[in-house]
Every structure is written in structure tokens, then in C-alpha cells.
Amino acid sequence: MKRRNESQNDMEYYYEAKHVGISIYSVAMAILFFSAALASAAILRRKTGHLMKHGYGVLVLVMILAGIRLAAPLDFSFSWVIGSERIVPWIQSTFLQSPGEMAVWKLALVLWGIGSILYLAAGIGLFVRELRTMRDSTPVESDQVRRVLRGMHLKGAVVIVSREIDVPKVIGFRKAYICLPELSVSDEELREILRHEYEHYRGGDFFLKLLYLVLSALLWWNPVIHLFRKELDRILELRCDARVTRGMNERQRAGYAEAILHVMRQTTKQQNLFKEKAGTLFRKTRGKFIRQRFELMLCEKTSAKRKAIPYLAAAVIFVLSYFVIIQPEYHEIPVEDQKGEILISKENAFILQKKDGTMEMWVNGEKAFEVGEEDLFCPPGS
């Protein structure tokens, strides 16, 4: 049952014109589809053969569509309603209980808010710790870095070399602060490393990680959020590799892969326990993911026609997700069993919200009873 501000005389017009809205059920569906989309992206990321055929772009598209679906939890009038007779009603009744002075749903909101604040504070603390490590590190003069930078066009890039830095990384919004440990590499290998880190900056990976931190704080209770954090790092690494090697021939891609391998061997022993890098060239995860990165770096790029299929499938699934919504299902009492009950449905009733904030249930053109805010979460107000 949707709220209403118009007079009861406009009831028929209201139900025809009100095609879209937001309800607690549409929000729940948005979180459900968001979680399913992230899980799908994580599964696709492991399919090296699929990425060779269709590219990494579909992973990015799925994440974007997942974010849009979460930000726009719309409830359309044409959606197919799947009735739940047990699970959803049980969840509703549980949250509406009041074992003490506070209802369960209010207590849940308080715990949700406290958890979000603590999670966000911890995440920001990790980023601040990393920034302090970079700020307090002692720069090392490098003639090689200056020499290589002169032949590159890295607009707004500042390169810092220090013994306190464990692995190549980049942080920044307006400027790319590229931080490097002391490395023994050739000029060409250093050029590839700088290009990789600068591509992280151009791709906005630092911003994406901060955005995901905020999202994780809002949905800290969702296990998919925590499981996908490492997947986000890996997807961004694959995207960065693909953008750097775009347009390279086989020999150039092999040189890029060799530069990564060379630096990896030197930085493995230098990595500390800090995991929340803003955009790093190497992660602690080894094994399958490192092998996958090299396979994708060295493979031939596929045609755009073959890439279009998963993009189209992702878009179609995104649109179709708005055509389904799960709501509680309650069966009407048979007429012979009714004893003074009022039959309330979308066709004969609506909730009138008055200027003073109070609400009334109107049935068959007459005021039936007052409606409290807690009544909106259970029949007949829901």
C-alpha cells in the first residue's frame, strides 16, 4: 500500500499515475541484485578464457550497473510480484517485535549506524596510516627516474623514491603521487612501471577504492561486500594491464610482462602488512591470479563483435531486474469466515497523509482508522 497526499476523490487517478516509487521491498531487492552482480563479476574474473574472448570491460560494466541498481531501488507498477508466505512475513514480524522499550527494527537501525561509523573510521584510519608512511618516508635522489620522466608525458605526476616504500603505488586526485621503492631495473622497465602506475591514476582507481570503502561501510553486514574487496583490486589490476598494453605488439607486451616479473622478484621481500593500497602494481596474492595476469597480458586482443555479447547480456539482466520484486503474501479471509472485518485492498483503500504528518486509512471513500508509522511495515498498511 503506497502513501498518498491527494484527496480521496482522486483515488482512481492516483493509482493510474503512480507508476514508480521506492518501498522497503524495492530497497531489499536492490541490495539482493547488487550482491548477485558482485558475485557474478567475481566468478567471471576467474574465467581466464572468457576474459581472453570478451575482455575485462564486462566486469567493469557489471560493477557500474550494480552500483546504479543499488542507488536507484525503484518499485514499478508493472513489476512482477513474487509472493512470500513465510520468509518475508517472518522477517517482518521479527523486526516489528518489541521485547523491551525499543522495537527490533529501531535497534537494528541503531546497530547498523554504529557499525557503519566504526567501519568507515577504521578504513579511513588505514588510508591515513598509508599517507603518513609516504609523507614521513625519506626521498632518495634518482637520476634514472629524472632521465626516464623527461621522455614521458605524465601530466601532474610526482614521483617519489624511498627505502620505506614497499611496492610501487599511486595516490592522488588532482596529482598522481607515484611512490617507488629502490629498484634495480633498466630504463625501459622503469618506463613501463611508471606507465602502469599513472594508468591507475588516470583510471580513477584511488577514487573507486574510496567509494567502495564508503559503500562497504553502509553495507558492512553484507558478506558479499567483504568477499568482493580483493576481487575489486584484481579487476582494477587487469583493467590497468589491458589499458597499458593496448596497441602493443607481441614483443612489447612481452617486455611489459618481463618488467612486472623483474620488479615482483625485488619487491616480494619488501611488502609490509598493510593491505589497503590505493593502486598498487603487485598484491600479496600469488598463484592463479599472477598466472592469469600474464596470460591476459600476452594474449591477442579479440574483435569488438565478440565482446558485444556479454555487454548486451549484462544490460538486459539489469533492465529485467526491475521487473521482479518479492513481497509478503497474505490470503484474504473467505467471506463466510469474516465477522465484522473490513476488506482492504489496493482497489478500495489508500493512506491519506495530512499536513500535520498524521496518516489515515480510507476504505470505500470513508475514513476507517488512524495509521501509525509502525503500521506501514505490516498489513494492511504495507
Protein backbone atom coordinates (compact mmCIF):
# COMPACT_ATOMS: atom_id res chain seq x y z
CA MET A 1 0.00 0.00 0.00
CA LYS A 2 1.53 3.34 -1.02
CA ARG A 3 1.19 6.61 0.86
CA ARG A 4 -0.91 9.32 -0.65
CA ASN A 5 -1.13 13.12 -0.35
CA GLU A 6 -4.08 13.74 -2.71
CA SER A 7 -7.70 13.81 -1.66
CA GLN A 8 -9.75 10.66 -1.73
CA ASN A 9 -11.75 11.91 -4.74
CA ASP A 10 -8.67 11.45 -6.91
CA MET A 11 -8.15 7.81 -5.92
CA GLU A 12 -8.61 6.37 -9.40
CA TYR A 13 -6.24 8.93 -10.96
CA TYR A 14 -3.66 8.26 -8.26
CA TYR A 15 -3.40 4.55 -8.99
CA GLU A 16 -3.10 5.18 -12.70
CA ALA A 17 -0.48 7.93 -12.41
CA LYS A 18 1.68 6.43 -9.65
CA HIS A 19 3.83 4.11 -11.80
CA VAL A 20 7.07 4.28 -9.84
CA GLY A 21 8.14 4.66 -6.26
CA ILE A 22 10.50 3.36 -3.57
CA SER A 23 9.49 0.86 -0.91
CA ILE A 24 11.27 -1.21 1.67
CA TYR A 25 10.82 -4.18 -0.64
CA SER A 26 12.40 -2.42 -3.62
CA VAL A 27 15.38 -1.45 -1.42
CA ALA A 28 15.76 -5.08 -0.34
CA MET A 29 15.61 -6.20 -3.98
CA ALA A 30 18.24 -3.60 -4.92
CA ILE A 31 20.62 -4.96 -2.27
CA LEU A 32 19.88 -8.51 -3.42
CA PHE A 33 20.61 -7.79 -7.08
CA PHE A 34 23.65 -5.69 -6.15
CA SER A 35 25.11 -8.62 -4.21
CA ALA A 36 24.31 -11.05 -7.04
CA ALA A 37 26.01 -8.75 -9.55
CA LEU A 38 29.20 -8.53 -7.48
CA ALA A 39 29.24 -12.30 -7.05
CA SER A 40 28.81 -12.72 -10.82
CA ALA A 41 31.70 -10.32 -11.50
CA ALA A 42 33.90 -12.30 -9.09
CA ILE A 43 33.05 -15.56 -10.87
CA LEU A 44 33.68 -14.07 -14.33
CA ARG A 45 37.01 -12.66 -13.19
CA ARG A 46 38.25 -16.21 -12.58
CA LYS A 47 37.31 -17.30 -16.12
CA THR A 48 40.53 -16.54 -17.97
CA GLY A 49 39.23 -17.98 -21.24
CA HIS A 50 36.16 -15.76 -21.07
CA LEU A 51 38.29 -12.66 -20.45
CA MET A 52 40.52 -13.55 -23.40
CA LYS A 53 37.49 -13.71 -25.68
CA HIS A 54 35.45 -10.79 -24.37
CA GLY A 55 37.86 -8.59 -22.40
CA TYR A 56 37.73 -7.13 -18.90
CA GLY A 57 35.20 -4.42 -19.77
CA VAL A 58 32.19 -6.55 -18.94
CA LEU A 59 33.45 -6.84 -15.35
CA VAL A 60 33.59 -3.06 -15.06
CA LEU A 61 30.13 -2.76 -16.66
CA VAL A 62 28.65 -5.26 -14.18
CA MET A 63 30.09 -3.26 -11.27
CA ILE A 64 28.73 0.00 -12.68
CA LEU A 65 25.26 -1.47 -13.24
CA ALA A 66 25.36 -2.97 -9.74
CA GLY A 67 26.05 0.49 -8.31
CA ILE A 68 23.23 2.05 -10.33
CA ARG A 69 20.82 -0.70 -9.24
CA LEU A 70 21.71 -0.06 -5.60
CA ALA A 71 21.42 3.72 -5.95
CA ALA A 72 18.05 3.50 -7.75
CA PRO A 73 15.89 0.98 -5.83
CA LEU A 74 12.75 1.77 -7.82
CA ASP A 75 9.44 -0.06 -7.50
CA PHE A 76 7.49 -0.01 -10.76
CA SER A 77 3.77 -0.72 -11.03
CA PHE A 78 4.40 -3.22 -13.85
CA SER A 79 6.82 -5.33 -11.78
CA TRP A 80 6.01 -9.00 -11.34
CA VAL A 81 5.33 -9.56 -7.65
CA ILE A 82 6.60 -12.84 -6.19
CA GLY A 83 4.60 -13.55 -3.07
CA SER A 84 6.39 -14.86 0.01
CA GLU A 85 4.15 -16.60 2.51
CA ARG A 86 6.78 -17.48 5.11
CA ILE A 87 10.23 -15.90 4.84
CA VAL A 88 9.35 -12.22 4.27
CA PRO A 89 6.38 -12.23 6.71
CA TRP A 90 8.61 -13.90 9.32
CA ILE A 91 11.29 -11.23 8.82
CA GLN A 92 8.65 -8.51 9.14
CA SER A 93 7.15 -9.95 12.30
CA THR A 94 10.62 -10.36 13.83
CA PHE A 95 11.62 -6.75 13.21
CA LEU A 96 8.26 -5.44 14.48
CA GLN A 97 8.61 -7.17 17.83
CA SER A 98 9.33 -5.05 20.91
CA PRO A 99 10.99 -7.23 23.55
CA GLY A 100 11.93 -4.10 25.51
CA GLU A 101 11.33 -0.40 25.22
CA MET A 102 12.68 -0.31 21.66
CA ALA A 103 11.35 -2.20 18.64
CA VAL A 104 13.70 -4.66 16.97
CA TRP A 105 13.78 -2.66 13.74
CA LYS A 106 14.81 0.51 15.58
CA LEU A 107 17.54 -1.39 17.44
CA ALA A 108 18.73 -2.83 14.13
CA LEU A 109 18.96 0.66 12.63
CA VAL A 110 21.00 1.87 15.60
CA LEU A 111 23.41 -1.07 15.30
CA TRP A 112 23.59 -0.56 11.54
CA GLY A 113 24.55 3.09 12.03
CA ILE A 114 27.14 2.36 14.72
CA GLY A 115 28.68 -0.40 12.59
CA SER A 116 28.87 1.90 9.56
CA ILE A 117 30.60 4.65 11.55
CA LEU A 118 33.15 2.25 13.06
CA TYR A 119 33.84 0.56 9.71
CA LEU A 120 34.31 3.90 7.93
CA ALA A 121 36.56 5.20 10.71
CA ALA A 122 38.73 2.06 10.52
CA GLY A 123 39.01 2.32 6.74
CA ILE A 124 39.92 5.99 6.83
CA GLY A 125 42.45 5.20 9.54
CA LEU A 126 44.17 2.71 7.23
CA PHE A 127 44.37 5.25 4.42
CA VAL A 128 45.70 7.92 6.79
CA ARG A 129 48.32 5.46 8.02
CA GLU A 130 49.45 4.82 4.46
CA LEU A 131 49.56 8.54 3.67
CA ARG A 132 51.66 9.19 6.78
CA THR A 133 54.05 6.41 5.79
CA MET A 134 54.50 8.04 2.40
CA ARG A 135 54.83 11.54 3.89
CA ASP A 136 57.37 10.50 6.50
CA SER A 137 59.46 8.42 4.12
CA THR A 138 62.91 9.75 3.22
CA PRO A 139 63.16 10.54 -0.50
CA VAL A 140 66.11 9.18 -2.44
CA GLU A 141 67.55 11.11 -5.36
CA SER A 142 67.34 9.07 -8.56
CA ASP A 143 69.00 10.28 -11.74
CA GLN A 144 67.41 7.35 -13.57
CA VAL A 145 63.88 8.46 -12.64
CA ARG A 146 64.55 12.03 -13.79
CA ARG A 147 66.05 10.75 -17.02
CA VAL A 148 63.12 8.46 -17.79
CA LEU A 149 60.49 11.09 -16.86
CA ARG A 150 61.95 13.55 -19.37
CA GLY A 151 60.94 11.22 -22.19
CA MET A 152 57.41 10.66 -20.88
CA HIS A 153 54.30 12.83 -20.78
CA LEU A 154 52.84 12.17 -17.36
CA LYS A 155 50.82 15.31 -16.68
CA GLY A 156 50.52 16.16 -12.99
CA ALA A 157 52.75 13.27 -11.89
CA VAL A 158 55.11 13.47 -8.91
CA VAL A 159 57.49 10.53 -8.45
CA ILE A 160 58.90 9.73 -5.02
CA VAL A 161 61.59 7.08 -4.45
CA SER A 162 62.17 5.88 -0.89
CA ARG A 163 63.51 2.87 1.01
CA GLU A 164 60.43 2.97 3.29
CA ILE A 165 58.09 2.21 0.38
CA ASP A 166 57.43 -1.49 -0.12
CA VAL A 167 55.87 -1.72 -3.60
CA PRO A 168 55.06 0.70 -6.45
CA LYS A 169 51.83 2.57 -5.73
CA VAL A 170 49.98 5.75 -6.64
CA ILE A 171 47.70 8.04 -4.65
CA GLY A 172 46.03 11.29 -5.56
CA PHE A 173 43.10 13.07 -7.19
CA ARG A 174 44.47 16.20 -8.86
CA LYS A 175 48.05 14.94 -8.98
CA ALA A 176 49.44 11.46 -9.35
CA TYR A 177 51.85 10.81 -6.48
CA ILE A 178 53.75 7.77 -7.73
CA CYS A 179 55.77 6.14 -4.98
CA LEU A 180 58.53 3.67 -5.79
CA PRO A 181 60.91 1.60 -3.70
CA GLU A 182 64.56 1.49 -4.69
CA LEU A 183 64.68 -0.81 -7.71
CA SER A 184 67.39 -2.23 -9.90
CA VAL A 185 65.71 -2.06 -13.31
CA SER A 186 66.51 -0.84 -16.81
CA ASP A 187 65.19 2.46 -18.15
CA GLU A 188 62.64 0.64 -20.30
CA GLU A 189 61.39 -1.41 -17.34
CA LEU A 190 61.09 1.72 -15.20
CA ARG A 191 59.14 3.38 -18.00
CA GLU A 192 56.64 0.50 -18.02
CA ILE A 193 56.24 0.66 -14.24
CA LEU A 194 55.58 4.41 -14.34
CA ARG A 195 53.08 3.95 -17.17
CA HIS A 196 51.28 1.28 -15.15
CA GLU A 197 51.01 3.42 -12.02
CA TYR A 198 49.97 6.50 -13.98
CA GLU A 199 47.23 4.44 -15.65
CA HIS A 200 45.88 3.68 -12.17
CA TYR A 201 45.67 7.43 -11.63
CA ARG A 202 44.02 8.10 -15.00
CA GLY A 203 41.50 5.32 -14.35
CA GLY A 204 40.47 6.89 -11.03
CA ASP A 205 41.32 3.76 -9.06
CA PHE A 206 42.05 5.75 -5.90
CA PHE A 207 38.59 7.35 -6.08
CA LEU A 208 36.95 3.98 -6.80
CA LYS A 209 38.58 2.45 -3.73
CA LEU A 210 37.39 5.30 -1.52
CA LEU A 211 33.90 4.97 -2.99
CA TYR A 212 33.92 1.24 -2.28
CA LEU A 213 35.08 1.96 1.27
CA VAL A 214 32.00 4.16 1.82
CA LEU A 215 29.78 1.52 0.23
CA SER A 216 31.34 -1.16 2.42
CA ALA A 217 30.65 0.96 5.48
CA LEU A 218 26.98 1.29 4.53
CA LEU A 219 26.60 -2.44 3.90
CA TRP A 220 29.15 -3.76 6.38
CA TRP A 221 26.79 -6.58 7.39
CA ASN A 222 26.71 -7.97 3.83
CA PRO A 223 29.31 -10.78 3.46
CA VAL A 224 29.49 -10.25 -0.32
CA ILE A 225 30.94 -6.78 0.30
CA HIS A 226 33.91 -8.25 2.20
CA LEU A 227 34.46 -11.13 -0.21
CA PHE A 228 34.49 -8.78 -3.20
CA ARG A 229 37.10 -6.38 -1.82
CA LYS A 230 40.04 -8.43 -3.11
CA GLU A 231 38.19 -9.01 -6.38
CA LEU A 232 37.92 -5.26 -6.88
CA ASP A 233 41.70 -4.96 -6.53
CA ARG A 234 42.23 -7.73 -9.08
CA ILE A 235 39.72 -6.37 -11.58
CA LEU A 236 41.37 -2.95 -11.43
CA GLU A 237 44.77 -4.56 -11.97
CA LEU A 238 43.50 -6.44 -15.03
CA ARG A 239 41.94 -3.26 -16.37
CA CYS A 240 45.19 -1.36 -15.85
CA ASP A 241 47.24 -4.07 -17.62
CA ALA A 242 44.82 -4.06 -20.55
CA ARG A 243 44.94 -0.28 -20.93
CA VAL A 244 48.74 -0.16 -20.76
CA THR A 245 49.18 -2.95 -23.34
CA ARG A 246 46.52 -1.59 -25.71
CA GLY A 247 48.10 -1.13 -29.10
CA MET A 248 51.27 -3.05 -28.20
CA ASN A 249 52.65 -5.76 -30.43
CA GLU A 250 53.73 -9.16 -29.15
CA ARG A 251 57.30 -8.08 -28.42
CA GLN A 252 56.17 -5.01 -26.48
CA ARG A 253 53.69 -7.00 -24.40
CA ALA A 254 56.43 -9.48 -23.57
CA GLY A 255 58.66 -6.60 -22.45
CA TYR A 256 55.89 -5.23 -20.24
CA ALA A 257 55.35 -8.65 -18.64
CA GLU A 258 59.10 -9.06 -18.11
CA ALA A 259 59.27 -5.67 -16.36
CA ILE A 260 56.49 -6.70 -13.99
CA LEU A 261 58.16 -10.02 -13.24
CA HIS A 262 61.51 -8.33 -12.63
CA VAL A 263 60.05 -5.84 -10.15
CA MET A 264 57.96 -8.53 -8.48
CA ARG A 265 61.06 -10.50 -7.60
CA GLN A 266 62.64 -7.45 -5.99
CA THR A 267 59.61 -6.27 -4.01
CA THR A 268 58.33 -9.58 -2.66
CA LYS A 269 60.50 -9.38 0.46
CA GLN A 270 59.78 -5.68 0.98
CA GLN A 271 55.99 -5.88 1.31
CA ASN A 272 54.68 -4.99 4.76
CA LEU A 273 51.44 -6.00 6.42
CA PHE A 274 49.42 -3.04 5.12
CA LYS A 275 46.87 -4.27 2.57
CA GLU A 276 44.75 -1.26 1.65
CA LYS A 277 46.89 0.19 -1.14
CA ALA A 278 45.29 2.88 -3.29
CA GLY A 279 46.57 1.44 -6.56
CA THR A 280 49.45 -0.99 -6.46
CA LEU A 281 51.27 -2.88 -9.13
CA PHE A 282 51.58 -6.06 -7.09
CA ARG A 283 49.49 -7.73 -4.42
CA LYS A 284 50.33 -10.34 -1.86
CA THR A 285 48.09 -12.78 -3.67
CA ARG A 286 50.16 -15.03 -5.90
CA GLY A 287 49.48 -18.26 -7.74
CA LYS A 288 46.47 -18.33 -10.00
CA PHE A 289 45.89 -14.60 -10.24
CA ILE A 290 49.51 -13.81 -11.18
CA ARG A 291 49.39 -16.53 -13.83
CA GLN A 292 46.09 -15.13 -15.10
CA ARG A 293 47.58 -11.63 -15.39
CA PHE A 294 50.46 -12.85 -17.52
CA GLU A 295 48.19 -14.93 -19.74
CA LEU A 296 45.93 -11.95 -20.39
CA MET A 297 48.88 -9.62 -20.99
CA LEU A 298 50.33 -11.87 -23.67
CA CYS A 299 47.12 -12.93 -25.43
CA GLU A 300 45.91 -11.44 -28.72
CA LYS A 301 43.06 -8.97 -28.41
CA THR A 302 39.65 -10.08 -29.73
CA SER A 303 37.32 -8.25 -32.09
CA ALA A 304 34.67 -5.83 -30.81
CA LYS A 305 31.90 -8.02 -32.25
CA ARG A 306 32.75 -10.91 -29.92
CA LYS A 307 32.87 -8.52 -26.97
CA ALA A 308 29.35 -7.18 -27.57
CA ILE A 309 27.51 -10.33 -26.43
CA PRO A 310 28.32 -10.20 -22.66
CA TYR A 311 27.80 -6.42 -22.62
CA LEU A 312 24.32 -6.87 -24.07
CA ALA A 313 23.54 -9.72 -21.67
CA ALA A 314 24.57 -7.60 -18.67
CA ALA A 315 22.38 -4.71 -19.84
CA VAL A 316 19.37 -6.96 -20.39
CA ILE A 317 19.68 -8.57 -16.95
CA PHE A 318 19.98 -5.11 -15.40
CA VAL A 319 16.72 -3.97 -17.02
CA LEU A 320 14.90 -7.19 -16.19
CA SER A 321 15.88 -6.86 -12.53
CA TYR A 322 13.31 -4.04 -12.26
CA PHE A 323 10.55 -6.37 -13.47
CA VAL A 324 10.68 -8.59 -10.36
CA ILE A 325 10.01 -7.79 -6.71
CA ILE A 326 9.43 -10.02 -3.69
CA GLN A 327 6.70 -9.02 -1.26
CA PRO A 328 4.83 -10.77 1.56
CA GLU A 329 1.69 -12.58 0.52
CA TYR A 330 -1.37 -12.69 2.74
CA HIS A 331 -4.50 -14.58 1.79
CA GLU A 332 -7.86 -12.89 2.21
CA ILE A 333 -10.28 -14.41 4.71
CA PRO A 334 -13.22 -16.14 2.97
CA VAL A 335 -16.49 -14.22 3.14
CA GLU A 336 -18.18 -16.95 5.21
CA ASP A 337 -15.40 -16.69 7.82
CA GLN A 338 -15.46 -12.90 8.09
CA LYS A 339 -17.02 -11.48 11.26
CA GLY A 340 -17.19 -7.72 11.06
CA GLU A 341 -13.86 -7.45 9.21
CA ILE A 342 -13.16 -4.70 6.67
CA LEU A 343 -11.80 -5.99 3.35
CA ILE A 344 -8.85 -3.72 2.41
CA SER A 345 -7.11 -3.83 -0.95
CA LYS A 346 -5.36 -1.50 -3.40
CA GLU A 347 -8.63 -1.10 -5.27
CA ASN A 348 -10.75 0.22 -2.39
CA ALA A 349 -8.31 1.81 0.07
CA PHE A 350 -5.47 4.26 0.40
CA ILE A 351 -3.47 6.03 3.10
CA LEU A 352 -4.02 9.80 3.38
CA GLN A 353 -1.09 11.79 4.77
CA LYS A 354 -2.29 15.04 6.31
CA LYS A 355 -0.38 18.32 6.55
CA ASP A 356 0.38 17.76 10.24
CA GLY A 357 2.12 14.47 9.41
CA THR A 358 -0.58 12.15 10.70
CA MET A 359 -1.98 9.42 8.46
CA GLU A 360 -5.44 7.94 7.98
CA MET A 361 -6.68 4.76 6.32
CA TRP A 362 -9.58 5.44 3.94
CA VAL A 363 -11.70 2.49 2.77
CA ASN A 364 -14.52 2.76 0.24
CA GLY A 365 -14.42 6.56 0.41
CA GLU A 366 -14.74 6.70 4.22
CA LYS A 367 -12.22 7.16 6.98
CA ALA A 368 -11.60 3.79 8.66
CA PHE A 369 -8.91 4.41 11.30
CA GLU A 370 -5.70 6.26 12.16
CA VAL A 371 -2.42 4.82 10.86
CA GLY A 372 0.83 4.99 12.81
CA GLU A 373 4.32 4.87 11.32
CA GLU A 374 4.83 1.35 12.61
CA ASP A 375 1.70 0.22 10.72
CA LEU A 376 3.40 0.94 7.38
CA PHE A 377 5.58 -2.15 7.77
CA CYS A 378 2.76 -4.66 8.16
CA PRO A 379 -0.62 -5.32 6.56
CA PRO A 380 -2.80 -3.60 5.63
CA GLY A 381 -0.55 -0.53 5.61
CA SER A 382 2.44 -2.17 3.90
